[in-house]
Protein backbone atom coordinates (compact mmCIF):
# COMPACT_ATOMS: atom_id res chain seq x y z
CA UNK A 1 41.56 18.32 19.78
CA UNK A 2 39.94 15.43 17.88
CA UNK A 3 40.30 14.96 14.14
CA UNK A 4 37.20 13.38 12.53
CA UNK A 5 39.38 11.76 9.90
CA UNK A 6 40.74 9.47 12.62
CA UNK A 7 37.26 8.08 13.46
CA UNK A 8 37.35 4.44 12.27
CA UNK A 9 33.53 4.16 12.47
CA UNK A 10 32.54 7.41 10.75
CA UNK A 11 32.09 5.86 7.30
CA UNK A 12 30.16 2.91 8.70
CA UNK A 13 27.71 5.14 10.58
CA UNK A 14 27.26 7.37 7.54
CA UNK A 15 26.45 4.32 5.39
CA UNK A 16 23.99 2.96 7.99
CA UNK A 17 22.22 6.33 8.14
CA UNK A 18 22.04 6.49 4.33
CA UNK A 19 20.56 2.96 4.17
CA UNK A 20 17.97 3.76 6.86
CA UNK A 21 16.89 6.89 4.98
CA UNK A 22 16.61 4.89 1.73
CA UNK A 23 14.25 2.40 3.43
CA UNK A 24 11.80 5.14 4.41
CA UNK A 25 9.80 7.63 2.40
CA UNK A 26 10.95 11.12 1.44
CA UNK A 27 10.84 12.21 5.09
CA UNK A 28 12.62 9.08 6.33
CA UNK A 29 9.49 7.47 7.80
CA UNK A 30 8.68 3.95 6.75
CA UNK A 31 5.32 4.09 5.01
CA UNK A 32 3.02 2.02 2.85
CA UNK A 33 5.23 2.02 -0.21
CA UNK A 34 8.48 1.15 1.54
CA UNK A 35 7.42 -2.22 2.96
CA UNK A 36 4.26 -3.02 1.10
CA UNK A 37 3.70 -4.56 -2.26
CA UNK A 38 0.36 -3.74 -3.94
CA UNK A 39 -0.81 -5.49 -7.11
CA UNK A 40 -3.98 -5.12 -9.15
CA UNK A 41 -5.47 -7.78 -11.40
CA UNK A 42 -8.28 -7.52 -13.93
CA UNK A 43 -10.17 -10.31 -15.65
CA UNK A 44 -13.38 -12.33 -15.81
CA UNK A 45 -15.48 -9.25 -15.06
CA UNK A 46 -13.70 -8.47 -11.81
CA UNK A 47 -10.86 -6.38 -10.39
CA UNK A 48 -8.71 -7.71 -7.55
CA UNK A 49 -6.29 -5.76 -5.35
CA UNK A 50 -3.71 -7.62 -3.25
CA UNK A 51 -1.61 -5.75 -0.67
CA UNK A 52 0.97 -6.96 1.84
CA UNK A 53 0.33 -5.28 5.22
CA UNK A 54 2.81 -6.72 7.71
CA UNK A 55 2.46 -5.68 11.33
CA UNK A 56 -1.24 -4.80 11.38
CA UNK A 57 -4.37 -6.70 12.37
CA UNK A 58 -7.67 -6.96 10.51
CA UNK A 59 -9.30 -4.48 12.91
CA UNK A 60 -6.61 -1.88 12.05
CA UNK A 61 -7.56 -1.72 8.35
CA UNK A 62 -9.93 0.84 6.83
CA UNK A 63 -11.00 0.57 3.17
CA UNK A 64 -12.85 3.10 0.99
CA UNK A 65 -13.64 3.01 -2.71
CA UNK A 66 -15.24 5.52 -5.08
CA UNK A 67 -15.41 3.14 -8.04
CA UNK A 68 -12.08 4.29 -9.52
CA UNK A 69 -9.71 4.41 -6.52
CA UNK A 70 -9.31 2.15 -3.50
CA UNK A 71 -7.95 3.86 -0.39
CA UNK A 72 -6.28 1.57 2.11
CA UNK A 73 -5.45 2.87 5.59
CA UNK A 74 -3.96 0.72 8.33
CA UNK A 75 -2.34 1.57 11.64
CA UNK A 76 -0.72 -1.06 13.85
CA UNK A 77 1.37 -0.61 16.98
CA UNK A 78 4.58 -0.08 15.02
CA UNK A 79 3.43 0.51 11.43
CA UNK A 80 1.13 2.85 9.58
CA UNK A 81 0.03 2.62 5.96
CA UNK A 82 -1.94 4.97 3.70
CA UNK A 83 -2.26 4.25 0.00
CA UNK A 84 -4.56 5.26 -2.84
CA UNK A 85 -4.63 2.55 -5.48
CA UNK A 86 -5.88 3.53 -8.93
CA UNK A 87 -8.02 0.67 -10.24
CA UNK A 88 -7.44 -0.51 -13.83
CA UNK A 89 -11.15 -0.16 -14.66
CA UNK A 90 -14.28 1.24 -13.06
CA UNK A 91 -15.81 -1.04 -10.40
CA UNK A 92 -19.04 -1.38 -8.44
CA UNK A 93 -17.76 -0.28 -5.03
CA UNK A 94 -20.78 -1.92 -3.34
CA UNK A 95 -19.73 -5.33 -4.66
CA UNK A 96 -16.48 -5.36 -2.63
CA UNK A 97 -15.43 -8.62 -1.03
CA UNK A 98 -12.38 -8.30 1.26
CA UNK A 99 -10.28 -10.79 3.20
CA UNK A 100 -7.16 -10.47 5.35
CA UNK A 101 -5.03 -13.53 6.01
CA UNK A 102 -1.44 -13.75 7.30
CA UNK A 103 -0.76 -10.07 6.57
CA UNK A 104 -2.15 -10.17 3.02
CA UNK A 105 -5.21 -8.06 2.14
CA UNK A 106 -7.28 -9.13 -0.87
CA UNK A 107 -10.17 -6.99 -2.16
CA UNK A 108 -12.27 -8.09 -5.14
CA UNK A 109 -14.79 -5.93 -7.01
CA UNK A 110 -17.18 -6.52 -9.89
CA UNK A 111 -16.06 -4.51 -12.93
CA UNK A 112 -18.56 -2.05 -14.38
CA UNK A 113 -19.11 -1.50 -18.09
CA UNK A 114 -17.77 1.93 -19.09
CA UNK A 115 -20.59 2.49 -21.55
CA UNK A 116 -24.33 2.21 -21.18
CA UNK A 117 -26.88 1.28 -23.80
CA UNK A 118 -29.59 3.83 -24.51
CA UNK A 119 -32.89 2.47 -25.73
CA UNK A 120 -34.92 4.59 -28.15
């Protein structure tokens, strides 16, 4: 009969499993947030979103915006990302200009004034 206390690798394997689970999301799967850094910038009448998307190609990326939230979906051979990014201010979603270079996605929007003038 084997005694688990005599297993010299038990602690090492437990630590490796713990580290692998910490790298993934709540279900252990690596997702957008675990490997991707997303930043938003606001200034000069525009809003810019920059996201690192390693392991995907330009054709794998799908972007949608409702003026307040940018949804980024990407699925490569070994990676899949899905993220909803709350924008710091309302934007004109039709003004979007996007580029993808060396795994970095950049999307720039024109900011929209929150208030409108009403002429009498």
